[in-house]
Every structure is written in structure tokens, then in C-alpha cells.
Amino acid sequence: MSTKRILIIDDEDDIREVAQASLEMMGGWEVIAAASSSEGLRLAADEQPDAILLDVMLPDMDGPTTFTHLQSDPRTSQIPVLLLTAKVQAADRRRFEDLAVKAVLAKPFDPVTLAEQVAEVLGWSL
């Protein structure tokens, strides 16, 4: 079985680094990182990751808009997306869930359980 590959799209260096370390160590997965939506869209199409962790608040294009672009591109429309957000109010959650993303994960996340949460949502074994 090949190693799962996850693309993280987040403009905060520390969040990317912690998530990457967590997913590589706890999940044993390969992690690709992008600091912007435009870079993330390009990497998603070129690298074809098994899943994408997408920050909601990005400087060039917000997460929901980026998700819409991913969905409209036949090369990336089948890749499951998990949103990362510090906005956990009920109204925000409903809006994000209406997008048909796989899950909404709260930031800050627990690096010890992040891989577990991702695996559970996607039905992957650890």
C-alpha cells in the first residue's frame, strides 16, 4: 500500500510546520505544504494528494473560494478537503458544512490527535 499524501494550505508558517510534523510522525504520511491558495491550487493539480487540509482564512483567496475552485477543476474535484478554522461558531460551521467538505477541524488543533482526526474522517487506517 502506498503512503498517503496530504496537502496543507495555510499561510501561517507555524501551523503548517506543526501540522506537517504531526501528520508525518503520527500518521506516517507524506505532507506537501502551500502558503497560499494559488500555490495550493497548483500543487493540488500537479501532485494529486490523497487529501487537502485547507485553512479558511487565507490572504489571497479564502478557503471556501479555494474549495470551489478545487471542486470545479476535474483534476482536483475528487480530492477530499478538510477545512481548518479558528471560526467555530454554529453559523460558520453550517456555512462550511454546506460546502460539502469532508470535515471542519478547529484551530488550534491538538498535534497529538490531528492524524487520528484526519484518518477517522477519511476512513484511513493509522
N, C-alpha and C. Protein backbone atom coordinates (compact mmCIF):
# COMPACT_ATOMS: atom_id res chain seq x y z
N MET A 1 0.85 -1.20 0.00
CA MET A 1 0.00 0.00 0.00
C MET A 1 0.88 1.25 0.00
N SER A 2 0.58 2.17 -0.86
CA SER A 2 1.41 3.37 -0.93
C SER A 2 1.07 4.35 0.19
N THR A 3 2.04 5.17 0.50
CA THR A 3 1.88 6.17 1.56
C THR A 3 0.89 7.24 1.12
N LYS A 4 -0.01 7.62 2.02
CA LYS A 4 -0.98 8.69 1.74
C LYS A 4 -0.24 10.02 1.69
N ARG A 5 -0.72 10.90 0.83
CA ARG A 5 -0.13 12.22 0.69
C ARG A 5 -1.18 13.28 0.99
N ILE A 6 -0.80 14.23 1.84
CA ILE A 6 -1.71 15.29 2.25
C ILE A 6 -1.11 16.64 1.89
N LEU A 7 -1.94 17.49 1.31
CA LEU A 7 -1.54 18.87 1.02
C LEU A 7 -2.13 19.77 2.10
N ILE A 8 -1.26 20.57 2.72
CA ILE A 8 -1.72 21.56 3.70
C ILE A 8 -1.63 22.93 3.04
N ILE A 9 -2.73 23.67 3.04
CA ILE A 9 -2.74 25.04 2.51
C ILE A 9 -3.05 25.97 3.68
N ASP A 10 -2.02 26.66 4.16
CA ASP A 10 -2.17 27.56 5.30
C ASP A 10 -1.08 28.61 5.22
N ASP A 11 -1.44 29.87 5.45
CA ASP A 11 -0.46 30.95 5.32
C ASP A 11 0.40 31.14 6.57
N GLU A 12 0.05 30.46 7.66
CA GLU A 12 0.83 30.60 8.89
C GLU A 12 1.90 29.52 8.96
N ASP A 13 3.18 29.96 8.94
CA ASP A 13 4.30 29.03 8.94
C ASP A 13 4.23 28.03 10.08
N ASP A 14 3.95 28.53 11.30
CA ASP A 14 3.96 27.63 12.46
C ASP A 14 2.87 26.58 12.37
N ILE A 15 1.71 26.95 11.86
CA ILE A 15 0.61 25.99 11.72
C ILE A 15 1.01 24.91 10.70
N ARG A 16 1.55 25.34 9.56
CA ARG A 16 2.00 24.38 8.54
C ARG A 16 3.04 23.43 9.10
N GLU A 17 4.02 23.99 9.82
CA GLU A 17 5.10 23.15 10.35
C GLU A 17 4.60 22.16 11.39
N VAL A 18 3.75 22.61 12.31
CA VAL A 18 3.22 21.71 13.35
C VAL A 18 2.34 20.64 12.71
N ALA A 19 1.47 21.03 11.79
CA ALA A 19 0.59 20.06 11.13
C ALA A 19 1.42 19.05 10.34
N GLN A 20 2.42 19.54 9.63
CA GLN A 20 3.26 18.65 8.82
C GLN A 20 3.98 17.65 9.71
N ALA A 21 4.60 18.12 10.78
CA ALA A 21 5.32 17.23 11.70
C ALA A 21 4.35 16.21 12.31
N SER A 22 3.18 16.67 12.72
CA SER A 22 2.18 15.81 13.33
C SER A 22 1.73 14.71 12.36
N LEU A 23 1.39 15.10 11.15
CA LEU A 23 0.86 14.13 10.17
C LEU A 23 1.94 13.15 9.71
N GLU A 24 3.17 13.64 9.61
CA GLU A 24 4.27 12.74 9.20
C GLU A 24 4.61 11.76 10.32
N MET A 25 4.71 12.26 11.56
CA MET A 25 5.10 11.40 12.68
C MET A 25 3.96 10.49 13.15
N MET A 26 2.78 11.05 13.33
CA MET A 26 1.66 10.27 13.87
C MET A 26 0.93 9.46 12.79
N GLY A 27 0.88 10.01 11.58
CA GLY A 27 0.14 9.31 10.52
C GLY A 27 1.04 8.52 9.59
N GLY A 28 2.33 8.89 9.56
CA GLY A 28 3.24 8.24 8.63
C GLY A 28 2.99 8.65 7.19
N TRP A 29 2.37 9.82 7.01
CA TRP A 29 2.01 10.28 5.67
C TRP A 29 3.03 11.26 5.12
N GLU A 30 3.02 11.42 3.81
CA GLU A 30 3.86 12.42 3.15
C GLU A 30 3.05 13.72 3.12
N VAL A 31 3.70 14.82 3.46
CA VAL A 31 2.99 16.10 3.51
C VAL A 31 3.61 17.10 2.55
N ILE A 32 2.75 17.74 1.78
CA ILE A 32 3.15 18.82 0.87
C ILE A 32 2.53 20.08 1.45
N ALA A 33 3.26 21.18 1.44
CA ALA A 33 2.72 22.40 2.06
C ALA A 33 2.71 23.57 1.08
N ALA A 34 1.65 24.37 1.19
CA ALA A 34 1.50 25.58 0.38
C ALA A 34 1.15 26.73 1.31
N ALA A 35 1.72 27.91 1.04
CA ALA A 35 1.49 29.07 1.90
C ALA A 35 0.38 29.98 1.39
N SER A 36 -0.20 29.65 0.21
CA SER A 36 -1.26 30.49 -0.34
C SER A 36 -2.25 29.62 -1.12
N SER A 37 -3.42 30.17 -1.37
CA SER A 37 -4.43 29.45 -2.14
C SER A 37 -3.95 29.15 -3.55
N SER A 38 -3.35 30.15 -4.20
CA SER A 38 -2.91 29.95 -5.58
C SER A 38 -1.85 28.85 -5.67
N GLU A 39 -0.91 28.85 -4.72
CA GLU A 39 0.11 27.79 -4.69
C GLU A 39 -0.56 26.45 -4.39
N GLY A 40 -1.52 26.46 -3.48
CA GLY A 40 -2.23 25.23 -3.13
C GLY A 40 -3.00 24.65 -4.30
N LEU A 41 -3.67 25.50 -5.06
CA LEU A 41 -4.42 25.02 -6.23
C LEU A 41 -3.48 24.39 -7.26
N ARG A 42 -2.33 25.01 -7.46
CA ARG A 42 -1.35 24.49 -8.42
C ARG A 42 -0.81 23.14 -7.95
N LEU A 43 -0.44 23.08 -6.66
CA LEU A 43 0.10 21.84 -6.10
C LEU A 43 -0.94 20.72 -6.11
N ALA A 44 -2.19 21.06 -5.80
CA ALA A 44 -3.25 20.04 -5.80
C ALA A 44 -3.38 19.41 -7.19
N ALA A 45 -3.36 20.23 -8.22
CA ALA A 45 -3.49 19.73 -9.60
C ALA A 45 -2.25 18.93 -10.01
N ASP A 46 -1.06 19.45 -9.66
CA ASP A 46 0.19 18.79 -10.08
C ASP A 46 0.51 17.53 -9.28
N GLU A 47 0.28 17.57 -7.98
CA GLU A 47 0.72 16.50 -7.08
C GLU A 47 -0.35 15.45 -6.80
N GLN A 48 -1.63 15.79 -7.04
CA GLN A 48 -2.73 14.86 -6.79
C GLN A 48 -2.67 14.21 -5.40
N PRO A 49 -2.72 15.03 -4.33
CA PRO A 49 -2.66 14.46 -2.99
C PRO A 49 -3.92 13.64 -2.69
N ASP A 50 -3.84 12.81 -1.64
CA ASP A 50 -4.99 11.98 -1.24
C ASP A 50 -6.01 12.78 -0.45
N ALA A 51 -5.56 13.92 0.12
CA ALA A 51 -6.46 14.78 0.89
C ALA A 51 -5.83 16.17 1.01
N ILE A 52 -6.67 17.16 1.31
CA ILE A 52 -6.20 18.53 1.47
C ILE A 52 -6.72 19.08 2.80
N LEU A 53 -5.81 19.66 3.58
CA LEU A 53 -6.19 20.42 4.77
C LEU A 53 -6.12 21.87 4.34
N LEU A 54 -7.23 22.56 4.40
CA LEU A 54 -7.34 23.91 3.85
C LEU A 54 -7.75 24.91 4.92
N ASP A 55 -6.93 25.92 5.12
CA ASP A 55 -7.25 26.98 6.08
C ASP A 55 -8.39 27.84 5.52
N VAL A 56 -9.27 28.29 6.38
CA VAL A 56 -10.39 29.12 5.94
C VAL A 56 -9.94 30.55 5.63
N MET A 57 -9.07 31.09 6.47
CA MET A 57 -8.62 32.48 6.31
C MET A 57 -7.25 32.53 5.63
N LEU A 58 -7.26 32.85 4.35
CA LEU A 58 -6.02 32.98 3.59
C LEU A 58 -5.98 34.36 2.95
N PRO A 59 -4.78 34.92 2.79
CA PRO A 59 -4.71 36.30 2.29
C PRO A 59 -5.13 36.49 0.83
N ASP A 60 -4.80 35.52 -0.05
CA ASP A 60 -5.09 35.75 -1.47
C ASP A 60 -6.49 35.33 -1.89
N MET A 61 -7.03 34.29 -1.25
CA MET A 61 -8.36 33.79 -1.60
C MET A 61 -8.81 32.95 -0.41
N ASP A 62 -10.00 33.17 0.12
CA ASP A 62 -10.37 32.43 1.33
C ASP A 62 -10.62 30.94 1.03
N GLY A 63 -10.65 30.16 2.11
CA GLY A 63 -10.80 28.72 1.98
C GLY A 63 -12.02 28.28 1.20
N PRO A 64 -13.21 28.81 1.52
CA PRO A 64 -14.40 28.40 0.76
C PRO A 64 -14.28 28.69 -0.74
N THR A 65 -13.68 29.82 -1.11
CA THR A 65 -13.49 30.14 -2.53
C THR A 65 -12.49 29.17 -3.15
N THR A 66 -11.41 28.89 -2.42
CA THR A 66 -10.41 27.93 -2.90
C THR A 66 -11.05 26.56 -3.09
N PHE A 67 -11.90 26.16 -2.13
CA PHE A 67 -12.60 24.88 -2.23
C PHE A 67 -13.46 24.82 -3.50
N THR A 68 -14.15 25.92 -3.80
CA THR A 68 -14.98 25.99 -5.01
C THR A 68 -14.12 25.79 -6.26
N HIS A 69 -12.93 26.40 -6.27
CA HIS A 69 -12.01 26.21 -7.41
C HIS A 69 -11.56 24.75 -7.51
N LEU A 70 -11.25 24.14 -6.37
CA LEU A 70 -10.84 22.73 -6.36
C LEU A 70 -11.96 21.85 -6.92
N GLN A 71 -13.20 22.15 -6.52
CA GLN A 71 -14.35 21.37 -6.96
C GLN A 71 -14.64 21.54 -8.45
N SER A 72 -14.33 22.71 -8.99
CA SER A 72 -14.66 22.97 -10.40
C SER A 72 -13.59 22.46 -11.36
N ASP A 73 -12.44 22.02 -10.83
CA ASP A 73 -11.36 21.52 -11.67
C ASP A 73 -11.43 19.98 -11.68
N PRO A 74 -11.62 19.38 -12.86
CA PRO A 74 -11.73 17.91 -12.90
C PRO A 74 -10.51 17.19 -12.32
N ARG A 75 -9.35 17.85 -12.33
CA ARG A 75 -8.13 17.22 -11.79
C ARG A 75 -8.14 17.16 -10.27
N THR A 76 -8.93 18.04 -9.62
CA THR A 76 -8.89 18.10 -8.16
C THR A 76 -10.26 17.90 -7.50
N SER A 77 -11.30 17.74 -8.29
CA SER A 77 -12.66 17.69 -7.72
C SER A 77 -12.91 16.47 -6.85
N GLN A 78 -12.15 15.40 -7.03
CA GLN A 78 -12.37 14.18 -6.24
C GLN A 78 -11.52 14.12 -4.97
N ILE A 79 -10.66 15.11 -4.75
CA ILE A 79 -9.79 15.10 -3.57
C ILE A 79 -10.57 15.57 -2.35
N PRO A 80 -10.63 14.76 -1.29
CA PRO A 80 -11.35 15.19 -0.08
C PRO A 80 -10.66 16.38 0.58
N VAL A 81 -11.48 17.34 1.03
CA VAL A 81 -10.95 18.56 1.65
C VAL A 81 -11.47 18.67 3.09
N LEU A 82 -10.55 18.97 4.01
CA LEU A 82 -10.90 19.23 5.41
C LEU A 82 -10.54 20.68 5.68
N LEU A 83 -11.49 21.45 6.16
CA LEU A 83 -11.23 22.85 6.47
C LEU A 83 -10.63 22.99 7.87
N LEU A 84 -9.65 23.88 7.99
CA LEU A 84 -9.08 24.24 9.28
C LEU A 84 -9.55 25.65 9.59
N THR A 85 -10.16 25.84 10.75
CA THR A 85 -10.64 27.19 11.05
C THR A 85 -10.64 27.50 12.53
N ALA A 86 -10.38 28.75 12.82
CA ALA A 86 -10.49 29.24 14.20
C ALA A 86 -11.94 29.68 14.44
N LYS A 87 -12.73 29.79 13.37
CA LYS A 87 -14.15 30.18 13.48
C LYS A 87 -14.98 28.94 13.75
N VAL A 88 -15.39 28.77 14.98
CA VAL A 88 -16.15 27.56 15.29
C VAL A 88 -17.58 27.86 15.76
N GLN A 89 -18.08 29.06 15.48
CA GLN A 89 -19.46 29.38 15.81
C GLN A 89 -20.38 28.52 14.94
N ALA A 90 -21.56 28.26 15.47
CA ALA A 90 -22.51 27.38 14.77
C ALA A 90 -22.82 27.86 13.35
N ALA A 91 -23.01 29.16 13.19
CA ALA A 91 -23.35 29.69 11.85
C ALA A 91 -22.21 29.45 10.87
N ASP A 92 -20.98 29.66 11.32
CA ASP A 92 -19.81 29.41 10.46
C ASP A 92 -19.74 27.92 10.10
N ARG A 93 -19.92 27.08 11.10
CA ARG A 93 -19.86 25.63 10.87
C ARG A 93 -20.90 25.21 9.83
N ARG A 94 -22.11 25.73 9.96
CA ARG A 94 -23.17 25.37 9.00
C ARG A 94 -22.79 25.81 7.60
N ARG A 95 -22.25 27.03 7.49
CA ARG A 95 -21.85 27.54 6.17
C ARG A 95 -20.78 26.63 5.56
N PHE A 96 -19.81 26.21 6.39
CA PHE A 96 -18.74 25.34 5.89
C PHE A 96 -19.26 23.96 5.53
N GLU A 97 -20.18 23.45 6.35
CA GLU A 97 -20.73 22.12 6.08
C GLU A 97 -21.58 22.13 4.81
N ASP A 98 -22.20 23.27 4.52
CA ASP A 98 -22.97 23.39 3.27
C ASP A 98 -22.07 23.26 2.04
N LEU A 99 -20.79 23.46 2.21
CA LEU A 99 -19.86 23.37 1.09
C LEU A 99 -19.57 21.92 0.68
N ALA A 100 -19.97 20.97 1.50
CA ALA A 100 -19.69 19.55 1.23
C ALA A 100 -18.22 19.21 1.42
N VAL A 101 -17.57 19.90 2.35
CA VAL A 101 -16.21 19.49 2.71
C VAL A 101 -16.34 18.24 3.58
N LYS A 102 -15.27 17.47 3.70
CA LYS A 102 -15.30 16.23 4.48
C LYS A 102 -15.46 16.51 5.97
N ALA A 103 -14.82 17.58 6.45
CA ALA A 103 -14.89 17.89 7.88
C ALA A 103 -14.42 19.32 8.11
N VAL A 104 -14.77 19.85 9.27
CA VAL A 104 -14.28 21.15 9.71
C VAL A 104 -13.52 20.90 11.00
N LEU A 105 -12.22 21.17 10.98
CA LEU A 105 -11.38 20.96 12.16
C LEU A 105 -11.04 22.31 12.78
N ALA A 106 -11.14 22.37 14.09
CA ALA A 106 -10.89 23.63 14.80
C ALA A 106 -9.39 23.91 14.94
N LYS A 107 -9.05 25.18 14.81
CA LYS A 107 -7.70 25.64 15.12
C LYS A 107 -7.79 26.43 16.42
N PRO A 108 -6.85 26.36 17.32
CA PRO A 108 -5.68 25.48 17.19
C PRO A 108 -6.08 24.02 17.39
N PHE A 109 -5.45 23.13 16.63
CA PHE A 109 -5.72 21.70 16.75
C PHE A 109 -4.67 21.09 17.68
N ASP A 110 -4.97 19.89 18.15
CA ASP A 110 -4.03 19.17 19.00
C ASP A 110 -3.13 18.34 18.09
N PRO A 111 -1.82 18.66 18.03
CA PRO A 111 -0.92 17.93 17.13
C PRO A 111 -0.88 16.43 17.42
N VAL A 112 -1.16 16.04 18.67
CA VAL A 112 -1.11 14.63 19.04
C VAL A 112 -2.28 13.86 18.41
N THR A 113 -3.42 14.51 18.24
CA THR A 113 -4.60 13.80 17.72
C THR A 113 -4.97 14.19 16.29
N LEU A 114 -4.22 15.11 15.67
CA LEU A 114 -4.58 15.57 14.32
C LEU A 114 -4.63 14.42 13.31
N ALA A 115 -3.61 13.58 13.28
CA ALA A 115 -3.58 12.46 12.32
C ALA A 115 -4.76 11.52 12.56
N GLU A 116 -5.08 11.30 13.84
CA GLU A 116 -6.21 10.44 14.21
C GLU A 116 -7.52 11.02 13.68
N GLN A 117 -7.70 12.34 13.85
CA GLN A 117 -8.92 13.01 13.37
C GLN A 117 -9.03 12.88 11.86
N VAL A 118 -7.93 13.14 11.16
CA VAL A 118 -7.91 13.07 9.69
C VAL A 118 -8.23 11.64 9.24
N ALA A 119 -7.56 10.66 9.85
CA ALA A 119 -7.78 9.25 9.49
C ALA A 119 -9.23 8.84 9.70
N GLU A 120 -9.80 9.29 10.82
CA GLU A 120 -11.18 8.92 11.13
C GLU A 120 -12.15 9.50 10.10
N VAL A 121 -11.97 10.76 9.76
CA VAL A 121 -12.85 11.41 8.78
C VAL A 121 -12.76 10.75 7.41
N LEU A 122 -11.54 10.37 7.02
CA LEU A 122 -11.32 9.84 5.67
C LEU A 122 -11.40 8.31 5.59
N GLY A 123 -11.56 7.67 6.76
CA GLY A 123 -11.63 6.22 6.76
C GLY A 123 -10.29 5.56 6.47
N TRP A 124 -9.21 6.24 6.83
CA TRP A 124 -7.86 5.69 6.65
C TRP A 124 -7.46 4.96 7.91
N SER A 125 -6.62 3.94 7.77
CA SER A 125 -6.10 3.30 8.97
C SER A 125 -4.76 3.91 9.32
N LEU A 126 -4.47 3.96 10.61
CA LEU A 126 -3.19 4.51 11.07
C LEU A 126 -2.23 3.40 11.39
